[in-house]
Amino acid sequence: MNDLEKIIKVLLLFAVMVLPAGVARGQEKAEDFKEFVVRFVSDCEFQRSRVLFSVEALLHEEDTVRVVVVDEKDWGECVSFSDYIVKVGPSVTDGATVMIVQGKDNGVLVEYRFGLVDSKWFLKRIEDYSM
């Protein structure tokens, strides 16, 4: 089993346990988060289509927070998650659905924050706590 398959299995496990999909009255059924995450981490074209550009990236640096706006041209081909530990769940601070990406012994710690727009999941903000 390669690293991407392991990541996808972990994401599915967390998505099934903590992110059950529901249907609000009078609204279309929300896209299933576990299916969305699998495509987001494995399909570069889909990933790019599900980022709300220009997306805000907050870079936490010692005692300051620097805000960077990432435009579509700055995104690059694809963000690869294969060399990282990935966890999924709700944010404690604001209830946003987050994907936490942590490096293996390299100080990388990034939260990708998602939200629903017209019943589909989109990346809305990035918070980088890397050291």
N, C-alpha and C. Protein backbone atom coordinates (compact mmCIF):
# COMPACT_ATOMS: atom_id res chain seq x y z
N MET A 1 0.86 -1.17 0.00
CA MET A 1 0.00 0.00 0.00
C MET A 1 0.91 1.24 0.00
N ASN A 2 0.69 2.15 -0.97
CA ASN A 2 1.55 3.35 -1.03
C ASN A 2 1.03 4.42 -0.08
N ASP A 3 1.82 5.49 0.05
CA ASP A 3 1.47 6.56 1.01
C ASP A 3 0.14 7.22 0.69
N LEU A 4 -0.16 7.45 -0.59
CA LEU A 4 -1.42 8.09 -0.96
C LEU A 4 -2.60 7.23 -0.55
N GLU A 5 -2.49 5.93 -0.76
CA GLU A 5 -3.58 5.03 -0.35
C GLU A 5 -3.78 5.07 1.17
N LYS A 6 -2.67 5.12 1.93
CA LYS A 6 -2.77 5.20 3.38
C LYS A 6 -3.46 6.50 3.81
N ILE A 7 -3.08 7.60 3.17
CA ILE A 7 -3.68 8.90 3.49
C ILE A 7 -5.17 8.87 3.20
N ILE A 8 -5.54 8.34 2.06
CA ILE A 8 -6.96 8.29 1.69
C ILE A 8 -7.75 7.45 2.69
N LYS A 9 -7.19 6.31 3.11
CA LYS A 9 -7.89 5.48 4.10
C LYS A 9 -8.07 6.20 5.43
N VAL A 10 -7.03 6.92 5.88
CA VAL A 10 -7.14 7.67 7.12
C VAL A 10 -8.19 8.76 6.99
N LEU A 11 -8.17 9.49 5.86
CA LEU A 11 -9.16 10.55 5.63
C LEU A 11 -10.57 9.99 5.63
N LEU A 12 -10.76 8.86 5.00
CA LEU A 12 -12.09 8.26 4.97
C LEU A 12 -12.55 7.86 6.36
N LEU A 13 -11.66 7.29 7.14
CA LEU A 13 -12.01 6.89 8.50
C LEU A 13 -12.47 8.08 9.33
N PHE A 14 -11.68 9.17 9.29
CA PHE A 14 -12.07 10.36 10.05
C PHE A 14 -13.34 10.99 9.51
N ALA A 15 -13.49 11.03 8.19
CA ALA A 15 -14.68 11.63 7.60
C ALA A 15 -15.94 10.87 8.00
N VAL A 16 -15.86 9.56 8.01
CA VAL A 16 -17.02 8.75 8.39
C VAL A 16 -17.35 8.93 9.86
N MET A 17 -16.33 9.07 10.71
CA MET A 17 -16.57 9.17 12.14
C MET A 17 -17.04 10.54 12.58
N VAL A 18 -16.53 11.63 11.99
CA VAL A 18 -16.83 12.95 12.54
C VAL A 18 -17.58 13.89 11.60
N LEU A 19 -17.79 13.50 10.37
CA LEU A 19 -18.42 14.43 9.44
C LEU A 19 -19.60 13.82 8.71
N PRO A 20 -20.61 13.35 9.42
CA PRO A 20 -21.76 12.78 8.73
C PRO A 20 -22.50 13.86 7.93
N ALA A 21 -22.87 13.52 6.71
CA ALA A 21 -23.58 14.47 5.85
C ALA A 21 -25.04 14.55 6.27
N GLY A 22 -25.59 15.73 6.21
CA GLY A 22 -27.00 15.91 6.55
C GLY A 22 -27.68 16.76 5.50
N VAL A 23 -28.98 16.75 5.55
CA VAL A 23 -29.74 17.54 4.61
C VAL A 23 -30.52 18.59 5.38
N ALA A 24 -30.26 19.85 5.08
CA ALA A 24 -31.01 20.94 5.71
C ALA A 24 -32.34 21.11 4.98
N ARG A 25 -33.31 21.59 5.70
CA ARG A 25 -34.63 21.79 5.08
C ARG A 25 -34.54 22.75 3.92
N GLY A 26 -35.15 22.35 2.81
CA GLY A 26 -35.23 23.22 1.65
C GLY A 26 -33.91 23.38 0.90
N GLN A 27 -32.90 22.62 1.25
CA GLN A 27 -31.62 22.74 0.56
C GLN A 27 -31.25 21.41 -0.08
N GLU A 28 -30.42 21.54 -1.13
CA GLU A 28 -29.90 20.35 -1.78
C GLU A 28 -28.98 19.62 -0.81
N LYS A 29 -28.93 18.30 -0.92
CA LYS A 29 -28.06 17.51 -0.05
C LYS A 29 -26.62 17.93 -0.27
N ALA A 30 -25.92 18.15 0.83
CA ALA A 30 -24.52 18.58 0.76
C ALA A 30 -23.65 17.45 0.20
N GLU A 31 -22.66 17.85 -0.55
CA GLU A 31 -21.67 16.91 -1.08
C GLU A 31 -21.03 16.14 0.07
N ASP A 32 -20.82 14.87 -0.12
CA ASP A 32 -20.21 14.03 0.90
C ASP A 32 -18.74 14.44 1.07
N PHE A 33 -18.35 14.78 2.30
CA PHE A 33 -17.00 15.28 2.54
C PHE A 33 -15.94 14.22 2.26
N LYS A 34 -16.20 12.98 2.64
CA LYS A 34 -15.19 11.94 2.43
C LYS A 34 -14.90 11.74 0.94
N GLU A 35 -15.92 11.78 0.11
CA GLU A 35 -15.71 11.67 -1.33
C GLU A 35 -14.96 12.88 -1.86
N PHE A 36 -15.31 14.05 -1.35
CA PHE A 36 -14.62 15.28 -1.75
C PHE A 36 -13.13 15.22 -1.41
N VAL A 37 -12.80 14.82 -0.18
CA VAL A 37 -11.39 14.79 0.25
C VAL A 37 -10.58 13.82 -0.59
N VAL A 38 -11.13 12.66 -0.87
CA VAL A 38 -10.42 11.68 -1.70
C VAL A 38 -10.05 12.31 -3.05
N ARG A 39 -10.98 12.98 -3.67
CA ARG A 39 -10.70 13.63 -4.96
C ARG A 39 -9.75 14.81 -4.80
N PHE A 40 -9.91 15.59 -3.72
CA PHE A 40 -9.09 16.78 -3.51
C PHE A 40 -7.61 16.42 -3.38
N VAL A 41 -7.29 15.33 -2.68
CA VAL A 41 -5.89 14.96 -2.48
C VAL A 41 -5.31 14.16 -3.63
N SER A 42 -6.15 13.66 -4.53
CA SER A 42 -5.63 12.78 -5.58
C SER A 42 -5.82 13.29 -7.01
N ASP A 43 -6.66 14.29 -7.21
CA ASP A 43 -6.97 14.77 -8.56
C ASP A 43 -6.64 16.26 -8.65
N CYS A 44 -5.54 16.58 -9.33
CA CYS A 44 -5.04 17.96 -9.38
C CYS A 44 -6.03 18.92 -10.03
N GLU A 45 -6.68 18.50 -11.09
CA GLU A 45 -7.64 19.37 -11.76
C GLU A 45 -8.83 19.66 -10.85
N PHE A 46 -9.32 18.63 -10.16
CA PHE A 46 -10.43 18.81 -9.22
C PHE A 46 -9.99 19.72 -8.08
N GLN A 47 -8.77 19.49 -7.56
CA GLN A 47 -8.25 20.31 -6.46
C GLN A 47 -8.29 21.78 -6.82
N ARG A 48 -7.78 22.12 -7.98
CA ARG A 48 -7.75 23.52 -8.43
C ARG A 48 -9.16 24.09 -8.56
N SER A 49 -10.10 23.27 -9.00
CA SER A 49 -11.47 23.74 -9.21
C SER A 49 -12.21 23.99 -7.89
N ARG A 50 -11.67 23.46 -6.78
CA ARG A 50 -12.34 23.58 -5.49
C ARG A 50 -11.62 24.50 -4.52
N VAL A 51 -10.85 25.43 -5.04
CA VAL A 51 -10.22 26.45 -4.22
C VAL A 51 -10.90 27.77 -4.55
N LEU A 52 -11.37 28.48 -3.52
CA LEU A 52 -11.98 29.79 -3.75
C LEU A 52 -10.88 30.83 -3.88
N PHE A 53 -10.43 31.01 -5.12
CA PHE A 53 -9.38 32.01 -5.37
C PHE A 53 -10.00 33.39 -5.36
N SER A 54 -9.38 34.32 -4.86
CA SER A 54 -8.07 34.36 -4.23
C SER A 54 -8.23 33.93 -2.77
N VAL A 55 -7.53 32.86 -2.42
CA VAL A 55 -7.67 32.29 -1.09
C VAL A 55 -6.66 32.95 -0.15
N GLU A 56 -7.11 33.18 1.06
CA GLU A 56 -6.28 33.83 2.07
C GLU A 56 -5.46 32.77 2.81
N ALA A 57 -4.15 33.04 2.92
CA ALA A 57 -3.26 32.16 3.68
C ALA A 57 -2.70 32.96 4.85
N LEU A 58 -2.91 32.46 6.05
CA LEU A 58 -2.37 33.10 7.25
C LEU A 58 -1.11 32.36 7.66
N LEU A 59 0.01 33.07 7.68
CA LEU A 59 1.29 32.49 8.03
C LEU A 59 1.64 32.91 9.45
N HIS A 60 1.57 31.99 10.38
CA HIS A 60 1.84 32.27 11.79
C HIS A 60 3.35 32.21 12.01
N GLU A 61 3.93 33.37 12.30
CA GLU A 61 5.39 33.48 12.45
C GLU A 61 5.70 34.07 13.83
N GLU A 62 6.24 33.27 14.71
CA GLU A 62 6.57 33.66 16.08
C GLU A 62 5.43 34.46 16.70
N ASP A 63 5.57 35.79 16.82
CA ASP A 63 4.55 36.60 17.48
C ASP A 63 3.64 37.35 16.51
N THR A 64 3.73 37.08 15.23
CA THR A 64 2.93 37.80 14.25
C THR A 64 2.21 36.83 13.32
N VAL A 65 1.22 37.37 12.64
CA VAL A 65 0.52 36.61 11.60
C VAL A 65 0.60 37.44 10.33
N ARG A 66 1.17 36.84 9.30
CA ARG A 66 1.28 37.52 8.01
C ARG A 66 0.20 36.94 7.10
N VAL A 67 -0.52 37.82 6.42
CA VAL A 67 -1.59 37.39 5.52
C VAL A 67 -1.08 37.48 4.08
N VAL A 68 -1.23 36.37 3.37
CA VAL A 68 -0.83 36.30 1.97
C VAL A 68 -2.06 35.87 1.17
N VAL A 69 -2.28 36.52 0.05
CA VAL A 69 -3.38 36.13 -0.82
C VAL A 69 -2.82 35.27 -1.95
N VAL A 70 -3.37 34.07 -2.07
CA VAL A 70 -2.90 33.12 -3.08
C VAL A 70 -3.89 33.15 -4.24
N ASP A 71 -3.40 33.61 -5.39
CA ASP A 71 -4.21 33.63 -6.61
C ASP A 71 -4.06 32.31 -7.35
N GLU A 72 -4.92 32.08 -8.31
CA GLU A 72 -4.87 30.84 -9.08
C GLU A 72 -3.51 30.63 -9.74
N LYS A 73 -2.91 31.69 -10.24
CA LYS A 73 -1.61 31.58 -10.90
C LYS A 73 -0.51 31.18 -9.91
N ASP A 74 -0.69 31.48 -8.62
CA ASP A 74 0.29 31.15 -7.59
C ASP A 74 0.14 29.72 -7.07
N TRP A 75 -0.97 29.07 -7.34
CA TRP A 75 -1.27 27.76 -6.79
C TRP A 75 -0.34 26.68 -7.31
N GLY A 76 0.10 26.80 -8.55
CA GLY A 76 0.95 25.77 -9.14
C GLY A 76 0.10 24.65 -9.71
N GLU A 77 0.76 23.57 -10.06
CA GLU A 77 0.06 22.44 -10.67
C GLU A 77 -0.86 21.72 -9.69
N CYS A 78 -0.31 21.40 -8.53
CA CYS A 78 -1.07 20.59 -7.58
C CYS A 78 -0.35 20.60 -6.24
N VAL A 79 -1.10 20.59 -5.16
CA VAL A 79 -0.50 20.43 -3.85
C VAL A 79 -0.52 18.95 -3.54
N SER A 80 0.65 18.39 -3.28
CA SER A 80 0.76 16.97 -2.99
C SER A 80 0.74 16.74 -1.48
N PHE A 81 -0.02 15.75 -1.06
CA PHE A 81 -0.14 15.43 0.35
C PHE A 81 0.49 14.08 0.69
N SER A 82 1.18 13.47 -0.27
CA SER A 82 1.65 12.09 -0.10
C SER A 82 2.75 11.94 0.95
N ASP A 83 3.51 12.97 1.24
CA ASP A 83 4.60 12.85 2.22
C ASP A 83 4.23 13.40 3.59
N TYR A 84 2.93 13.51 3.87
CA TYR A 84 2.50 14.13 5.11
C TYR A 84 1.48 13.27 5.85
N ILE A 85 1.34 13.54 7.13
CA ILE A 85 0.29 12.94 7.94
C ILE A 85 -0.92 13.86 7.80
N VAL A 86 -2.06 13.31 7.43
CA VAL A 86 -3.26 14.12 7.18
C VAL A 86 -4.36 13.67 8.13
N LYS A 87 -4.97 14.66 8.80
CA LYS A 87 -6.11 14.40 9.70
C LYS A 87 -7.24 15.32 9.28
N VAL A 88 -8.47 14.87 9.48
CA VAL A 88 -9.63 15.65 9.08
C VAL A 88 -10.59 15.75 10.26
N GLY A 89 -11.20 16.93 10.42
CA GLY A 89 -12.19 17.10 11.47
C GLY A 89 -12.64 18.54 11.58
N PRO A 90 -13.55 18.81 12.49
CA PRO A 90 -14.02 20.19 12.68
C PRO A 90 -13.01 21.00 13.48
N SER A 91 -12.92 22.27 13.17
CA SER A 91 -12.03 23.18 13.91
C SER A 91 -12.62 23.46 15.28
N VAL A 92 -11.78 23.45 16.27
CA VAL A 92 -12.22 23.75 17.63
C VAL A 92 -12.58 25.22 17.76
N THR A 93 -11.86 26.09 17.05
CA THR A 93 -12.04 27.53 17.22
C THR A 93 -13.28 28.09 16.53
N ASP A 94 -13.56 27.63 15.31
CA ASP A 94 -14.66 28.28 14.58
C ASP A 94 -15.61 27.32 13.88
N GLY A 95 -15.46 26.02 14.09
CA GLY A 95 -16.38 25.06 13.50
C GLY A 95 -16.13 24.75 12.04
N ALA A 96 -15.15 25.39 11.41
CA ALA A 96 -14.84 25.10 10.01
C ALA A 96 -14.37 23.66 9.90
N THR A 97 -14.59 23.07 8.77
CA THR A 97 -14.09 21.73 8.52
C THR A 97 -12.66 21.86 8.05
N VAL A 98 -11.74 21.19 8.74
CA VAL A 98 -10.33 21.37 8.43
C VAL A 98 -9.67 20.04 8.08
N MET A 99 -8.64 20.17 7.26
CA MET A 99 -7.74 19.07 6.97
C MET A 99 -6.38 19.53 7.49
N ILE A 100 -5.86 18.84 8.48
CA ILE A 100 -4.59 19.21 9.09
C ILE A 100 -3.50 18.36 8.44
N VAL A 101 -2.51 19.06 7.89
CA VAL A 101 -1.41 18.39 7.20
C VAL A 101 -0.16 18.61 8.03
N GLN A 102 0.45 17.51 8.47
CA GLN A 102 1.62 17.60 9.34
C GLN A 102 2.77 16.84 8.69
N GLY A 103 3.94 17.48 8.70
CA GLY A 103 5.13 16.84 8.15
C GLY A 103 5.65 15.77 9.08
N LYS A 104 6.45 14.91 8.51
CA LYS A 104 7.08 13.84 9.29
C LYS A 104 8.45 14.34 9.72
N ASP A 105 8.56 14.85 10.93
CA ASP A 105 9.83 15.33 11.50
C ASP A 105 10.43 16.50 10.74
N ASN A 106 9.60 17.37 10.15
CA ASN A 106 10.16 18.52 9.44
C ASN A 106 9.54 19.86 9.83
N GLY A 107 8.64 19.88 10.83
CA GLY A 107 8.08 21.13 11.32
C GLY A 107 6.91 21.68 10.53
N VAL A 108 6.45 20.97 9.50
CA VAL A 108 5.32 21.44 8.70
C VAL A 108 4.01 21.15 9.44
N LEU A 109 3.16 22.17 9.56
CA LEU A 109 1.83 22.02 10.15
C LEU A 109 0.92 23.05 9.48
N VAL A 110 0.02 22.59 8.64
CA VAL A 110 -0.85 23.47 7.87
C VAL A 110 -2.29 23.00 8.01
N GLU A 111 -3.20 23.95 8.24
CA GLU A 111 -4.63 23.66 8.26
C GLU A 111 -5.24 24.18 6.96
N TYR A 112 -5.91 23.29 6.25
CA TYR A 112 -6.69 23.67 5.07
C TYR A 112 -8.13 23.73 5.54
N ARG A 113 -8.76 24.91 5.46
CA ARG A 113 -10.11 25.12 5.98
C ARG A 113 -11.12 25.13 4.84
N PHE A 114 -12.12 24.26 4.97
CA PHE A 114 -13.13 24.08 3.93
C PHE A 114 -14.49 24.55 4.40
N GLY A 115 -15.32 24.95 3.46
CA GLY A 115 -16.69 25.32 3.75
C GLY A 115 -17.58 24.95 2.58
N LEU A 116 -18.86 24.87 2.85
CA LEU A 116 -19.83 24.55 1.80
C LEU A 116 -20.26 25.80 1.06
N VAL A 117 -20.29 25.70 -0.25
CA VAL A 117 -20.81 26.75 -1.12
C VAL A 117 -21.73 26.04 -2.11
N ASP A 118 -23.01 26.39 -2.07
CA ASP A 118 -24.00 25.71 -2.93
C ASP A 118 -23.90 24.19 -2.80
N SER A 119 -23.79 23.71 -1.58
CA SER A 119 -23.75 22.28 -1.23
C SER A 119 -22.50 21.56 -1.71
N LYS A 120 -21.45 22.30 -2.08
CA LYS A 120 -20.18 21.70 -2.50
C LYS A 120 -19.06 22.24 -1.62
N TRP A 121 -18.08 21.38 -1.32
CA TRP A 121 -16.95 21.77 -0.47
C TRP A 121 -15.92 22.54 -1.27
N PHE A 122 -15.41 23.63 -0.65
CA PHE A 122 -14.37 24.45 -1.26
C PHE A 122 -13.34 24.82 -0.20
N LEU A 123 -12.09 24.94 -0.62
CA LEU A 123 -11.04 25.44 0.25
C LEU A 123 -11.25 26.94 0.37
N LYS A 124 -11.40 27.41 1.63
CA LYS A 124 -11.67 28.82 1.86
C LYS A 124 -10.49 29.56 2.49
N ARG A 125 -9.65 28.85 3.24
CA ARG A 125 -8.54 29.53 3.90
C ARG A 125 -7.47 28.51 4.27
N ILE A 126 -6.25 28.98 4.31
CA ILE A 126 -5.11 28.16 4.72
C ILE A 126 -4.46 28.84 5.91
N GLU A 127 -4.13 28.05 6.94
CA GLU A 127 -3.41 28.58 8.09
C GLU A 127 -2.14 27.75 8.27
N ASP A 128 -1.00 28.39 8.14
CA ASP A 128 0.29 27.72 8.20
C ASP A 128 0.96 28.00 9.54
N TYR A 129 1.12 26.96 10.34
CA TYR A 129 1.76 27.07 11.66
C TYR A 129 3.17 26.46 11.63
N SER A 130 3.69 26.21 10.44
CA SER A 130 5.00 25.56 10.31
C SER A 130 6.10 26.35 10.97
N MET A 131 7.10 25.61 11.46
CA MET A 131 8.26 26.26 12.09
C MET A 131 9.48 26.09 11.22
